[in-house]
Amino acid sequence: MSGVWVFKNGVVRLVENPATESNQGSAGHRHKILVYMPTNEVITSYSILERNLYSLGWERYYDDYDLLQYHKRSTVHLISLPKEFSKFKPVHMYDIVVKNKNMFQVRDPHLPN
């Protein structure tokens, strides 16, 4: 995972190719996928993601009805996701990767693994 970490609107995210992104803007984001590493399963829905998060000790947190949130009792971490899977973006994927070391990976589906 290489690139430049960018802080914008209170969120830190990894920009893999800053020159390309600055030229293309938000409409030019390359499609990314989230992969559950133990099974090499691509996360294509929240039900698949939730099943994998539960297996890692995460629990659903029902404090905010506008978001899907997961909490792990042994940590202070909270994963917050948009209600609609269509709004699940790379910034959410990287949040999951950081909070679950070696269990998830963000990939570009157009590049070889």
PDB file of N, CA and C in Angstrom:
ATOM      1  N   MET A   1       0.854  -1.158   0.000  1.00  0.00           N
ATOM      2  CA  MET A   1       0.000   0.000   0.000  1.00  0.00           C
ATOM      3  C   MET A   1       0.904   1.227   0.000  1.00  0.00           C
ATOM      4  N   SER A   2       0.934   1.954  -1.121  1.00  0.00           N
ATOM      5  CA  SER A   2       1.758   3.145  -1.189  1.00  0.00           C
ATOM      6  C   SER A   2       0.920   4.307  -1.685  1.00  0.00           C
ATOM      7  N   GLY A   3       1.388   5.498  -1.443  1.00  0.00           N
ATOM      8  CA  GLY A   3       0.684   6.686  -1.872  1.00  0.00           C
ATOM      9  C   GLY A   3       0.914   7.808  -0.894  1.00  0.00           C
ATOM     10  N   VAL A   4      -0.011   8.744  -0.880  1.00  0.00           N
ATOM     11  CA  VAL A   4       0.087   9.913  -0.027  1.00  0.00           C
ATOM     12  C   VAL A   4      -1.158   9.982   0.844  1.00  0.00           C
ATOM     13  N   TRP A   5      -0.964  10.195   2.161  1.00  0.00           N
ATOM     14  CA  TRP A   5      -2.088  10.363   3.071  1.00  0.00           C
ATOM     15  C   TRP A   5      -2.568  11.803   2.975  1.00  0.00           C
ATOM     16  N   VAL A   6      -3.858  12.005   2.742  1.00  0.00           N
ATOM     17  CA  VAL A   6      -4.443  13.331   2.568  1.00  0.00           C
ATOM     18  C   VAL A   6      -5.469  13.571   3.664  1.00  0.00           C
ATOM     19  N   PHE A   7      -5.394  14.738   4.289  1.00  0.00           N
ATOM     20  CA  PHE A   7      -6.364  15.131   5.308  1.00  0.00           C
ATOM     21  C   PHE A   7      -7.293  16.158   4.684  1.00  0.00           C
ATOM     22  N   LYS A   8      -8.602  15.842   4.608  1.00  0.00           N
ATOM     23  CA  LYS A   8      -9.570  16.739   3.994  1.00  0.00           C
ATOM     24  C   LYS A   8     -10.915  16.567   4.691  1.00  0.00           C
ATOM     25  N   ASN A   9     -11.522  17.670   5.097  1.00  0.00           N
ATOM     26  CA  ASN A   9     -12.829  17.652   5.761  1.00  0.00           C
ATOM     27  C   ASN A   9     -12.841  16.755   6.994  1.00  0.00           C
ATOM     28  N   GLY A  10     -11.759  16.744   7.745  1.00  0.00           N
ATOM     29  CA  GLY A  10     -11.703  15.976   8.982  1.00  0.00           C
ATOM     30  C   GLY A  10     -11.465  14.493   8.802  1.00  0.00           C
ATOM     31  N   VAL A  11     -11.148  14.050   7.577  1.00  0.00           N
ATOM     32  CA  VAL A  11     -10.943  12.628   7.299  1.00  0.00           C
ATOM     33  C   VAL A  11      -9.563  12.441   6.674  1.00  0.00           C
ATOM     34  N   VAL A  12      -8.838  11.439   7.147  1.00  0.00           N
ATOM     35  CA  VAL A  12      -7.554  11.088   6.561  1.00  0.00           C
ATOM     36  C   VAL A  12      -7.783   9.905   5.635  1.00  0.00           C
ATOM     37  N   ARG A  13      -7.245   9.997   4.429  1.00  0.00           N
ATOM     38  CA  ARG A  13      -7.387   8.885   3.489  1.00  0.00           C
ATOM     39  C   ARG A  13      -6.117   8.748   2.667  1.00  0.00           C
ATOM     40  N   LEU A  14      -5.920   7.566   2.107  1.00  0.00           N
ATOM     41  CA  LEU A  14      -4.751   7.281   1.303  1.00  0.00           C
ATOM     42  C   LEU A  14      -5.077   7.536  -0.157  1.00  0.00           C
ATOM     43  N   VAL A  15      -4.287   8.382  -0.799  1.00  0.00           N
ATOM     44  CA  VAL A  15      -4.419   8.637  -2.232  1.00  0.00           C
ATOM     45  C   VAL A  15      -3.257   7.912  -2.889  1.00  0.00           C
ATOM     46  N   GLU A  16      -3.575   6.890  -3.681  1.00  0.00           N
ATOM     47  CA  GLU A  16      -2.530   6.057  -4.267  1.00  0.00           C
ATOM     48  C   GLU A  16      -1.783   6.756  -5.395  1.00  0.00           C
ATOM     49  N   ASN A  17      -2.465   7.607  -6.136  1.00  0.00           N
ATOM     50  CA  ASN A  17      -1.824   8.339  -7.221  1.00  0.00           C
ATOM     51  C   ASN A  17      -2.313   9.775  -7.164  1.00  0.00           C
ATOM     52  N   PRO A  18      -1.674  10.637  -6.345  1.00  0.00           N
ATOM     53  CA  PRO A  18      -2.188  11.988  -6.127  1.00  0.00           C
ATOM     54  C   PRO A  18      -2.268  12.826  -7.398  1.00  0.00           C
ATOM     55  N   ALA A  19      -1.346  12.634  -8.354  1.00  0.00           N
ATOM     56  CA  ALA A  19      -1.384  13.414  -9.590  1.00  0.00           C
ATOM     57  C   ALA A  19      -2.627  13.081 -10.402  1.00  0.00           C
ATOM     58  N   THR A  20      -2.962  11.818 -10.492  1.00  0.00           N
ATOM     59  CA  THR A  20      -4.146  11.403 -11.231  1.00  0.00           C
ATOM     60  C   THR A  20      -5.406  11.899 -10.554  1.00  0.00           C
ATOM     61  N   GLU A  21      -5.475  11.770  -9.241  1.00  0.00           N
ATOM     62  CA  GLU A  21      -6.682  12.176  -8.537  1.00  0.00           C
ATOM     63  C   GLU A  21      -6.907  13.675  -8.623  1.00  0.00           C
ATOM     64  N   SER A  22      -5.846  14.477  -8.522  1.00  0.00           N
ATOM     65  CA  SER A  22      -6.033  15.922  -8.576  1.00  0.00           C
ATOM     66  C   SER A  22      -6.490  16.360  -9.958  1.00  0.00           C
ATOM     67  N   ASN A  23      -6.123  15.624 -10.993  1.00  0.00           N
ATOM     68  CA  ASN A  23      -6.562  15.958 -12.343  1.00  0.00           C
ATOM     69  C   ASN A  23      -7.987  15.495 -12.615  1.00  0.00           C
ATOM     70  N   GLN A  24      -8.404  14.405 -11.997  1.00  0.00           N
ATOM     71  CA  GLN A  24      -9.704  13.828 -12.290  1.00  0.00           C
ATOM     72  C   GLN A  24     -10.784  14.276 -11.330  1.00  0.00           C
ATOM     73  N   GLY A  25     -10.436  14.696 -10.124  1.00  0.00           N
ATOM     74  CA  GLY A  25     -11.452  15.085  -9.154  1.00  0.00           C
ATOM     75  C   GLY A  25     -12.177  13.882  -8.611  1.00  0.00           C
ATOM     76  N   SER A  26     -13.257  14.111  -7.872  1.00  0.00           N
ATOM     77  CA  SER A  26     -13.963  13.011  -7.223  1.00  0.00           C
ATOM     78  C   SER A  26     -14.635  12.080  -8.215  1.00  0.00           C
ATOM     79  N   ALA A  27     -14.974  12.573  -9.412  1.00  0.00           N
ATOM     80  CA  ALA A  27     -15.612  11.709 -10.411  1.00  0.00           C
ATOM     81  C   ALA A  27     -14.625  10.702 -10.980  1.00  0.00           C
ATOM     82  N   GLY A  28     -13.319  10.943 -10.799  1.00  0.00           N
ATOM     83  CA  GLY A  28     -12.316  10.075 -11.381  1.00  0.00           C
ATOM     84  C   GLY A  28     -11.826   8.980 -10.453  1.00  0.00           C
ATOM     85  N   HIS A  29     -12.473   8.766  -9.305  1.00  0.00           N
ATOM     86  CA  HIS A  29     -12.040   7.715  -8.391  1.00  0.00           C
ATOM     87  C   HIS A  29     -12.066   6.370  -9.097  1.00  0.00           C
ATOM     88  N   ARG A  30     -10.997   5.643  -8.930  1.00  0.00           N
ATOM     89  CA  ARG A  30     -10.956   4.301  -9.492  1.00  0.00           C
ATOM     90  C   ARG A  30     -11.743   3.377  -8.583  1.00  0.00           C
ATOM     91  N   HIS A  31     -12.404   2.439  -9.168  1.00  0.00           N
ATOM     92  CA  HIS A  31     -13.185   1.478  -8.413  1.00  0.00           C
ATOM     93  C   HIS A  31     -12.254   0.610  -7.577  1.00  0.00           C
ATOM     94  N   LYS A  32     -12.572   0.416  -6.312  1.00  0.00           N
ATOM     95  CA  LYS A  32     -11.793  -0.427  -5.406  1.00  0.00           C
ATOM     96  C   LYS A  32     -12.701  -1.509  -4.855  1.00  0.00           C
ATOM     97  N   ILE A  33     -12.091  -2.585  -4.424  1.00  0.00           N
ATOM     98  CA  ILE A  33     -12.842  -3.658  -3.786  1.00  0.00           C
ATOM     99  C   ILE A  33     -12.193  -3.972  -2.448  1.00  0.00           C
ATOM    100  N   LEU A  34     -13.007  -4.443  -1.514  1.00  0.00           N
ATOM    101  CA  LEU A  34     -12.534  -4.884  -0.216  1.00  0.00           C
ATOM    102  C   LEU A  34     -12.541  -6.405  -0.215  1.00  0.00           C
ATOM    103  N   VAL A  35     -11.435  -6.992   0.215  1.00  0.00           N
ATOM    104  CA  VAL A  35     -11.287  -8.447   0.205  1.00  0.00           C
ATOM    105  C   VAL A  35     -11.013  -8.935   1.625  1.00  0.00           C
ATOM    106  N   TYR A  36     -11.741  -9.971   2.047  1.00  0.00           N
ATOM    107  CA  TYR A  36     -11.504 -10.634   3.323  1.00  0.00           C
ATOM    108  C   TYR A  36     -10.406 -11.666   3.077  1.00  0.00           C
ATOM    109  N   MET A  37      -9.226 -11.412   3.631  1.00  0.00           N
ATOM    110  CA  MET A  37      -8.026 -12.172   3.295  1.00  0.00           C
ATOM    111  C   MET A  37      -8.063 -13.663   3.657  1.00  0.00           C
ATOM    112  N   PRO A  38      -8.590 -14.069   4.818  1.00  0.00           N
ATOM    113  CA  PRO A  38      -8.552 -15.502   5.143  1.00  0.00           C
ATOM    114  C   PRO A  38      -9.228 -16.394   4.092  1.00  0.00           C
ATOM    115  N   THR A  39     -10.272 -15.886   3.447  1.00  0.00           N
ATOM    116  CA  THR A  39     -10.987 -16.690   2.448  1.00  0.00           C
ATOM    117  C   THR A  39     -10.856 -16.127   1.036  1.00  0.00           C
ATOM    118  N   ASN A  40     -10.167 -14.980   0.910  1.00  0.00           N
ATOM    119  CA  ASN A  40     -10.030 -14.284  -0.376  1.00  0.00           C
ATOM    120  C   ASN A  40     -11.398 -13.908  -0.960  1.00  0.00           C
ATOM    121  N   GLU A  41     -12.348 -13.630  -0.079  1.00  0.00           N
ATOM    122  CA  GLU A  41     -13.719 -13.308  -0.472  1.00  0.00           C
ATOM    123  C   GLU A  41     -13.871 -11.803  -0.704  1.00  0.00           C
ATOM    124  N   VAL A  42     -14.432 -11.434  -1.852  1.00  0.00           N
ATOM    125  CA  VAL A  42     -14.700 -10.032  -2.156  1.00  0.00           C
ATOM    126  C   VAL A  42     -15.980  -9.619  -1.434  1.00  0.00           C
ATOM    127  N   ILE A  43     -15.922  -8.486  -0.756  1.00  0.00           N
ATOM    128  CA  ILE A  43     -17.082  -7.978  -0.026  1.00  0.00           C
ATOM    129  C   ILE A  43     -17.991  -7.267  -1.022  1.00  0.00           C
ATOM    130  N   THR A  44     -19.131  -7.879  -1.316  1.00  0.00           N
ATOM    131  CA  THR A  44     -20.069  -7.321  -2.297  1.00  0.00           C
ATOM    132  C   THR A  44     -21.375  -6.861  -1.666  1.00  0.00           C
ATOM    133  N   SER A  45     -21.495  -7.041  -0.340  1.00  0.00           N
ATOM    134  CA  SER A  45     -22.708  -6.599   0.354  1.00  0.00           C
ATOM    135  C   SER A  45     -22.395  -6.441   1.839  1.00  0.00           C
ATOM    136  N   TYR A  46     -23.266  -5.715   2.517  1.00  0.00           N
ATOM    137  CA  TYR A  46     -23.088  -5.564   3.959  1.00  0.00           C
ATOM    138  C   TYR A  46     -23.306  -6.876   4.699  1.00  0.00           C
ATOM    139  N   SER A  47     -24.137  -7.759   4.186  1.00  0.00           N
ATOM    140  CA  SER A  47     -24.345  -9.032   4.884  1.00  0.00           C
ATOM    141  C   SER A  47     -23.057  -9.860   4.884  1.00  0.00           C
ATOM    142  N   ILE A  48     -22.301  -9.838   3.794  1.00  0.00           N
ATOM    143  CA  ILE A  48     -21.020 -10.550   3.744  1.00  0.00           C
ATOM    144  C   ILE A  48     -20.024  -9.885   4.684  1.00  0.00           C
ATOM    145  N   LEU A  49     -19.962  -8.561   4.650  1.00  0.00           N
ATOM    146  CA  LEU A  49     -19.048  -7.837   5.536  1.00  0.00           C
ATOM    147  C   LEU A  49     -19.384  -8.105   6.995  1.00  0.00           C
ATOM    148  N   GLU A  50     -20.670  -8.032   7.330  1.00  0.00           N
ATOM    149  CA  GLU A  50     -21.095  -8.232   8.716  1.00  0.00           C
ATOM    150  C   GLU A  50     -20.735  -9.631   9.217  1.00  0.00           C
ATOM    151  N   ARG A  51     -20.927 -10.638   8.396  1.00  0.00           N
ATOM    152  CA  ARG A  51     -20.576 -12.012   8.766  1.00  0.00           C
ATOM    153  C   ARG A  51     -19.089 -12.106   9.107  1.00  0.00           C
ATOM    154  N   ASN A  52     -18.248 -11.471   8.289  1.00  0.00           N
ATOM    155  CA  ASN A  52     -16.807 -11.513   8.531  1.00  0.00           C
ATOM    156  C   ASN A  52     -16.412 -10.681   9.753  1.00  0.00           C
ATOM    157  N   LEU A  53     -17.047  -9.531   9.938  1.00  0.00           N
ATOM    158  CA  LEU A  53     -16.753  -8.716  11.121  1.00  0.00           C
ATOM    159  C   LEU A  53     -17.167  -9.451  12.396  1.00  0.00           C
ATOM    160  N   TYR A  54     -18.342 -10.106  12.386  1.00  0.00           N
ATOM    161  CA  TYR A  54     -18.785 -10.874  13.559  1.00  0.00           C
ATOM    162  C   TYR A  54     -17.771 -11.961  13.908  1.00  0.00           C
ATOM    163  N   SER A  55     -17.221 -12.620  12.884  1.00  0.00           N
ATOM    164  CA  SER A  55     -16.254 -13.695  13.141  1.00  0.00           C
ATOM    165  C   SER A  55     -14.968 -13.167  13.775  1.00  0.00           C
ATOM    166  N   LEU A  56     -14.716 -11.857  13.629  1.00  0.00           N
ATOM    167  CA  LEU A  56     -13.525 -11.236  14.212  1.00  0.00           C
ATOM    168  C   LEU A  56     -13.808 -10.563  15.554  1.00  0.00           C
ATOM    169  N   GLY A  57     -15.031 -10.738  16.063  1.00  0.00           N
ATOM    170  CA  GLY A  57     -15.368 -10.196  17.379  1.00  0.00           C
ATOM    171  C   GLY A  57     -16.064  -8.843  17.364  1.00  0.00           C
ATOM    172  N   TRP A  58     -16.418  -8.334  16.201  1.00  0.00           N
ATOM    173  CA  TRP A  58     -17.137  -7.060  16.114  1.00  0.00           C
ATOM    174  C   TRP A  58     -18.615  -7.286  16.384  1.00  0.00           C
ATOM    175  N   GLU A  59     -19.261  -6.313  16.991  1.00  0.00           N
ATOM    176  CA  GLU A  59     -20.693  -6.372  17.282  1.00  0.00           C
ATOM    177  C   GLU A  59     -21.368  -5.153  16.684  1.00  0.00           C
ATOM    178  N   ARG A  60     -22.607  -5.321  16.292  1.00  0.00           N
ATOM    179  CA  ARG A  60     -23.377  -4.194  15.755  1.00  0.00           C
ATOM    180  C   ARG A  60     -23.672  -3.224  16.890  1.00  0.00           C
ATOM    181  N   TYR A  61     -23.502  -1.950  16.617  1.00  0.00           N
ATOM    182  CA  TYR A  61     -23.712  -0.873  17.585  1.00  0.00           C
ATOM    183  C   TYR A  61     -24.878  -0.045  17.078  1.00  0.00           C
ATOM    184  N   TYR A  62     -25.941   0.067  17.846  1.00  0.00           N
ATOM    185  CA  TYR A  62     -27.188   0.669  17.379  1.00  0.00           C
ATOM    186  C   TYR A  62     -27.424   2.078  17.909  1.00  0.00           C
ATOM    187  N   ASP A  63     -26.378   2.868  18.094  1.00  0.00           N
ATOM    188  CA  ASP A  63     -26.528   4.202  18.656  1.00  0.00           C
ATOM    189  C   ASP A  63     -26.967   5.242  17.617  1.00  0.00           C
ATOM    190  N   ASP A  64     -26.638   5.045  16.351  1.00  0.00           N
ATOM    191  CA  ASP A  64     -26.952   6.009  15.294  1.00  0.00           C
ATOM    192  C   ASP A  64     -27.713   5.285  14.180  1.00  0.00           C
ATOM    193  N   TYR A  65     -28.953   5.688  13.959  1.00  0.00           N
ATOM    194  CA  TYR A  65     -29.778   4.993  12.975  1.00  0.00           C
ATOM    195  C   TYR A  65     -29.502   5.437  11.538  1.00  0.00           C
ATOM    196  N   ASP A  66     -28.666   6.463  11.351  1.00  0.00           N
ATOM    197  CA  ASP A  66     -28.302   6.906  10.007  1.00  0.00           C
ATOM    198  C   ASP A  66     -27.067   6.180   9.480  1.00  0.00           C
ATOM    199  N   LEU A  67     -26.422   5.412  10.351  1.00  0.00           N
ATOM    200  CA  LEU A  67     -25.198   4.703   9.979  1.00  0.00           C
ATOM    201  C   LEU A  67     -25.268   3.251  10.432  1.00  0.00           C
ATOM    202  N   LEU A  68     -24.473   2.415   9.792  1.00  0.00           N
ATOM    203  CA  LEU A  68     -24.209   1.067  10.304  1.00  0.00           C
ATOM    204  C   LEU A  68     -22.917   1.199  11.099  1.00  0.00           C
ATOM    205  N   GLN A  69     -22.949   0.780  12.347  1.00  0.00           N
ATOM    206  CA  GLN A  69     -21.769   0.903  13.185  1.00  0.00           C
ATOM    207  C   GLN A  69     -21.458  -0.420  13.863  1.00  0.00           C
ATOM    208  N   TYR A  70     -20.158  -0.661  13.997  1.00  0.00           N
ATOM    209  CA  TYR A  70     -19.682  -1.886  14.635  1.00  0.00           C
ATOM    210  C   TYR A  70     -18.633  -1.520  15.670  1.00  0.00           C
ATOM    211  N   HIS A  71     -18.696  -2.204  16.811  1.00  0.00           N
ATOM    212  CA  HIS A  71     -17.782  -1.968  17.914  1.00  0.00           C
ATOM    213  C   HIS A  71     -17.172  -3.288  18.343  1.00  0.00           C
ATOM    214  N   LYS A  72     -15.916  -3.230  18.716  1.00  0.00           N
ATOM    215  CA  LYS A  72     -15.225  -4.410  19.224  1.00  0.00           C
ATOM    216  C   LYS A  72     -14.943  -4.163  20.696  1.00  0.00           C
ATOM    217  N   ARG A  73     -15.485  -5.011  21.566  1.00  0.00           N
ATOM    218  CA  ARG A  73     -15.390  -4.806  23.016  1.00  0.00           C
ATOM    219  C   ARG A  73     -13.970  -4.664  23.521  1.00  0.00           C
ATOM    220  N   SER A  74     -13.040  -5.371  22.926  1.00  0.00           N
ATOM    221  CA  SER A  74     -11.663  -5.347  23.416  1.00  0.00           C
ATOM    222  C   SER A  74     -10.889  -4.109  22.970  1.00  0.00           C
ATOM    223  N   THR A  75     -11.535  -3.211  22.216  1.00  0.00           N
ATOM    224  CA  THR A  75     -10.858  -2.009  21.719  1.00  0.00           C
ATOM    225  C   THR A  75     -11.760  -0.793  21.894  1.00  0.00           C
ATOM    226  N   VAL A  76     -11.226   0.359  21.561  1.00  0.00           N
ATOM    227  CA  VAL A  76     -12.025   1.588  21.540  1.00  0.00           C
ATOM    228  C   VAL A  76     -12.489   1.901  20.118  1.00  0.00           C
ATOM    229  N   HIS A  77     -12.214   1.016  19.174  1.00  0.00           N
ATOM    230  CA  HIS A  77     -12.527   1.253  17.773  1.00  0.00           C
ATOM    231  C   HIS A  77     -14.018   1.167  17.482  1.00  0.00           C
ATOM    232  N   LEU A  78     -14.434   2.017  16.554  1.00  0.00           N
ATOM    233  CA  LEU A  78     -15.801   2.013  16.055  1.00  0.00           C
ATOM    234  C   LEU A  78     -15.719   2.139  14.544  1.00  0.00           C
ATOM    235  N   ILE A  79     -16.387   1.266  13.833  1.00  0.00           N
ATOM    236  CA  ILE A  79     -16.458   1.343  12.372  1.00  0.00           C
ATOM    237  C   ILE A  79     -17.820   1.926  12.033  1.00  0.00           C
ATOM    238  N   SER A  80     -17.832   3.020  11.291  1.00  0.00           N
ATOM    239  CA  SER A  80     -19.079   3.670  10.877  1.00  0.00           C
ATOM    240  C   SER A  80     -19.177   3.628   9.363  1.00  0.00           C
ATOM    241  N   LEU A  81     -20.297   3.119   8.879  1.00  0.00           N
ATOM    242  CA  LEU A  81     -20.508   2.954   7.444  1.00  0.00           C
ATOM    243  C   LEU A  81     -21.826   3.584   7.035  1.00  0.00           C
ATOM    244  N   PRO A  82     -21.927   4.035   5.774  1.00  0.00           N
ATOM    245  CA  PRO A  82     -23.214   4.558   5.305  1.00  0.00           C
ATOM    246  C   PRO A  82     -24.245   3.439   5.247  1.00  0.00           C
ATOM    247  N   LYS A  83     -25.515   3.777   5.439  1.00  0.00           N
ATOM    248  CA  LYS A  83     -26.590   2.768   5.426  1.00  0.00           C
ATOM    249  C   LYS A  83     -26.654   2.004   4.107  1.00  0.00           C
ATOM    250  N   GLU A  84     -26.439   2.705   3.001  1.00  0.00           N
ATOM    251  CA  GLU A  84     -26.544   2.097   1.676  1.00  0.00           C
ATOM    252  C   GLU A  84     -25.184   1.591   1.208  1.00  0.00           C
ATOM    253  N   PHE A  85     -25.134   0.337   0.780  1.00  0.00           N
ATOM    254  CA  PHE A  85     -23.876  -0.243   0.323  1.00  0.00           C
ATOM    255  C   PHE A  85     -23.335   0.491  -0.902  1.00  0.00           C
ATOM    256  N   SER A  86     -24.213   1.071  -1.707  1.00  0.00           N
ATOM    257  CA  SER A  86     -23.768   1.816  -2.892  1.00  0.00           C
ATOM    258  C   SER A  86     -22.928   3.035  -2.527  1.00  0.00           C
ATOM    259  N   LYS A  87     -23.005   3.479  -1.273  1.00  0.00           N
ATOM    260  CA  LYS A  87     -22.222   4.630  -0.804  1.00  0.00           C
ATOM    261  C   LYS A  87     -20.977   4.198  -0.031  1.00  0.00           C
ATOM    262  N   PHE A  88     -20.692   2.910  -0.031  1.00  0.00           N
ATOM    263  CA  PHE A  88     -19.517   2.330   0.618  1.00  0.00           C
ATOM    264  C   PHE A  88     -18.300   2.652  -0.250  1.00  0.00           C
ATOM    265  N   LYS A  89     -17.431   3.526   0.233  1.00  0.00           N
ATOM    266  CA  LYS A  89     -16.320   4.064  -0.545  1.00  0.00           C
ATOM    267  C   LYS A  89     -14.972   3.566  -0.010  1.00  0.00           C
ATOM    268  N   PRO A  90     -13.898   3.801  -0.767  1.00  0.00           N
ATOM    269  CA  PRO A  90     -12.566   3.379  -0.310  1.00  0.00           C
ATOM    270  C   PRO A  90     -12.187   3.905   1.080  1.00  0.00           C
ATOM    271  N   VAL A  91     -12.617   5.097   1.440  1.00  0.00           N
ATOM    272  CA  VAL A  91     -12.283   5.610   2.775  1.00  0.00           C
ATOM    273  C   VAL A  91     -12.858   4.696   3.865  1.00  0.00           C
ATOM    274  N   HIS A  92     -14.033   4.124   3.640  1.00  0.00           N
ATOM    275  CA  HIS A  92     -14.625   3.186   4.598  1.00  0.00           C
ATOM    276  C   HIS A  92     -13.843   1.862   4.589  1.00  0.00           C
ATOM    277  N   MET A  93     -13.439   1.445   3.381  1.00  0.00           N
ATOM    278  CA  MET A  93     -12.677   0.199   3.252  1.00  0.00           C
ATOM    279  C   MET A  93     -11.356   0.290   4.003  1.00  0.00           C
ATOM    280  N   TYR A  94     -10.652   1.414   3.844  1.00  0.00           N
ATOM    281  CA  TYR A  94      -9.368   1.573   4.516  1.00  0.00           C
ATOM    282  C   TYR A  94      -9.543   1.647   6.030  1.00  0.00           C
ATOM    283  N   ASP A  95     -10.651   2.201   6.488  1.00  0.00           N
ATOM    284  CA  ASP A  95     -10.933   2.230   7.924  1.00  0.00           C
ATOM    285  C   ASP A  95     -11.039   0.800   8.464  1.00  0.00           C
ATOM    286  N   ILE A  96     -11.710  -0.056   7.723  1.00  0.00           N
ATOM    287  CA  ILE A  96     -11.850  -1.465   8.119  1.00  0.00           C
ATOM    288  C   ILE A  96     -10.494  -2.164   8.105  1.00  0.00           C
ATOM    289  N   VAL A  97      -9.695  -1.886   7.077  1.00  0.00           N
ATOM    290  CA  VAL A  97      -8.363  -2.498   6.966  1.00  0.00           C
ATOM    291  C   VAL A  97      -7.491  -2.115   8.154  1.00  0.00           C
ATOM    292  N   VAL A  98      -7.470  -0.830   8.514  1.00  0.00           N
ATOM    293  CA  VAL A  98      -6.624  -0.347   9.603  1.00  0.00           C
ATOM    294  C   VAL A  98      -7.042  -0.955  10.944  1.00  0.00           C
ATOM    295  N   LYS A  99      -8.328  -1.160  11.142  1.00  0.00           N
ATOM    296  CA  LYS A  99      -8.827  -1.667  12.422  1.00  0.00           C
ATOM    297  C   LYS A  99      -8.849  -3.191  12.501  1.00  0.00           C
ATOM    298  N   ASN A 100      -8.472  -3.854  11.408  1.00  0.00           N
ATOM    299  CA  ASN A 100      -8.428  -5.318  11.360  1.00  0.00           C
ATOM    300  C   ASN A 100      -7.166  -5.754  10.620  1.00  0.00           C
ATOM    301  N   LYS A 101      -6.043  -5.533  11.229  1.00  0.00           N
ATOM    302  CA  LYS A 101      -4.751  -5.798  10.588  1.00  0.00           C
ATOM    303  C   LYS A 101      -4.672  -7.212  10.011  1.00  0.00           C
ATOM    304  N   ASN A 102      -4.224  -7.296   8.772  1.00  0.00           N
ATOM    305  CA  ASN A 102      -3.989  -8.554   8.050  1.00  0.00           C
ATOM    306  C   ASN A 102      -5.247  -9.369   7.783  1.00  0.00           C
ATOM    307  N   MET A 103      -6.429  -8.790   7.978  1.00  0.00           N
ATOM    308  CA  MET A 103      -7.664  -9.535   7.744  1.00  0.00           C
ATOM    309  C   MET A 103      -8.405  -9.054   6.494  1.00  0.00           C
ATOM    310  N   PHE A 104      -8.232  -7.804   6.147  1.00  0.00           N
ATOM    311  CA  PHE A 104      -8.872  -7.232   4.966  1.00  0.00           C
ATOM    312  C   PHE A 104      -7.821  -6.526   4.123  1.00  0.00           C
ATOM    313  N   GLN A 105      -8.128  -6.385   2.844  1.00  0.00           N
ATOM    314  CA  GLN A 105      -7.240  -5.669   1.925  1.00  0.00           C
ATOM    315  C   GLN A 105      -8.093  -4.934   0.907  1.00  0.00           C
ATOM    316  N   VAL A 106      -7.673  -3.726   0.557  1.00  0.00           N
ATOM    317  CA  VAL A 106      -8.328  -2.964  -0.505  1.00  0.00           C
ATOM    318  C   VAL A 106      -7.521  -3.191  -1.774  1.00  0.00           C
ATOM    319  N   ARG A 107      -8.228  -3.551  -2.826  1.00  0.00           N
ATOM    320  CA  ARG A 107      -7.559  -3.837  -4.103  1.00  0.00           C
ATOM    321  C   ARG A 107      -8.209  -3.072  -5.249  1.00  0.00           C
ATOM    322  N   ASP A 108      -7.410  -2.885  -6.265  1.00  0.00           N
ATOM    323  CA  ASP A 108      -7.920  -2.380  -7.535  1.00  0.00           C
ATOM    324  C   ASP A 108      -8.244  -3.619  -8.364  1.00  0.00           C
ATOM    325  N   PRO A 109      -9.513  -3.799  -8.725  1.00  0.00           N
ATOM    326  CA  PRO A 109      -9.871  -5.049  -9.424  1.00  0.00           C
ATOM    327  C   PRO A 109      -9.247  -5.180 -10.806  1.00  0.00           C
ATOM    328  N   HIS A 110      -8.680  -4.092 -11.328  1.00  0.00           N
ATOM    329  CA  HIS A 110      -8.101  -4.121 -12.667  1.00  0.00           C
ATOM    330  C   HIS A 110      -6.621  -4.481 -12.668  1.00  0.00           C
ATOM    331  N   LEU A 111      -6.039  -4.617 -11.464  1.00  0.00           N
ATOM    332  CA  LEU A 111      -4.627  -4.984 -11.354  1.00  0.00           C
ATOM    333  C   LEU A 111      -4.499  -6.405 -10.840  1.00  0.00           C
ATOM    334  N   PRO A 112      -3.454  -7.118 -11.244  1.00  0.00           N
ATOM    335  CA  PRO A 112      -3.256  -8.480 -10.710  1.00  0.00           C
ATOM    336  C   PRO A 112      -2.945  -8.425  -9.227  1.00  0.00           C
ATOM    337  N   ASN A 113      -3.326  -9.492  -8.504  1.00  0.00           N
ATOM    338  CA  ASN A 113      -3.117  -9.525  -7.042  1.00  0.00           C
ATOM    339  C   ASN A 113      -1.702  -9.744  -6.694  1.00  0.00           C
TER     340      ASN A 113
END
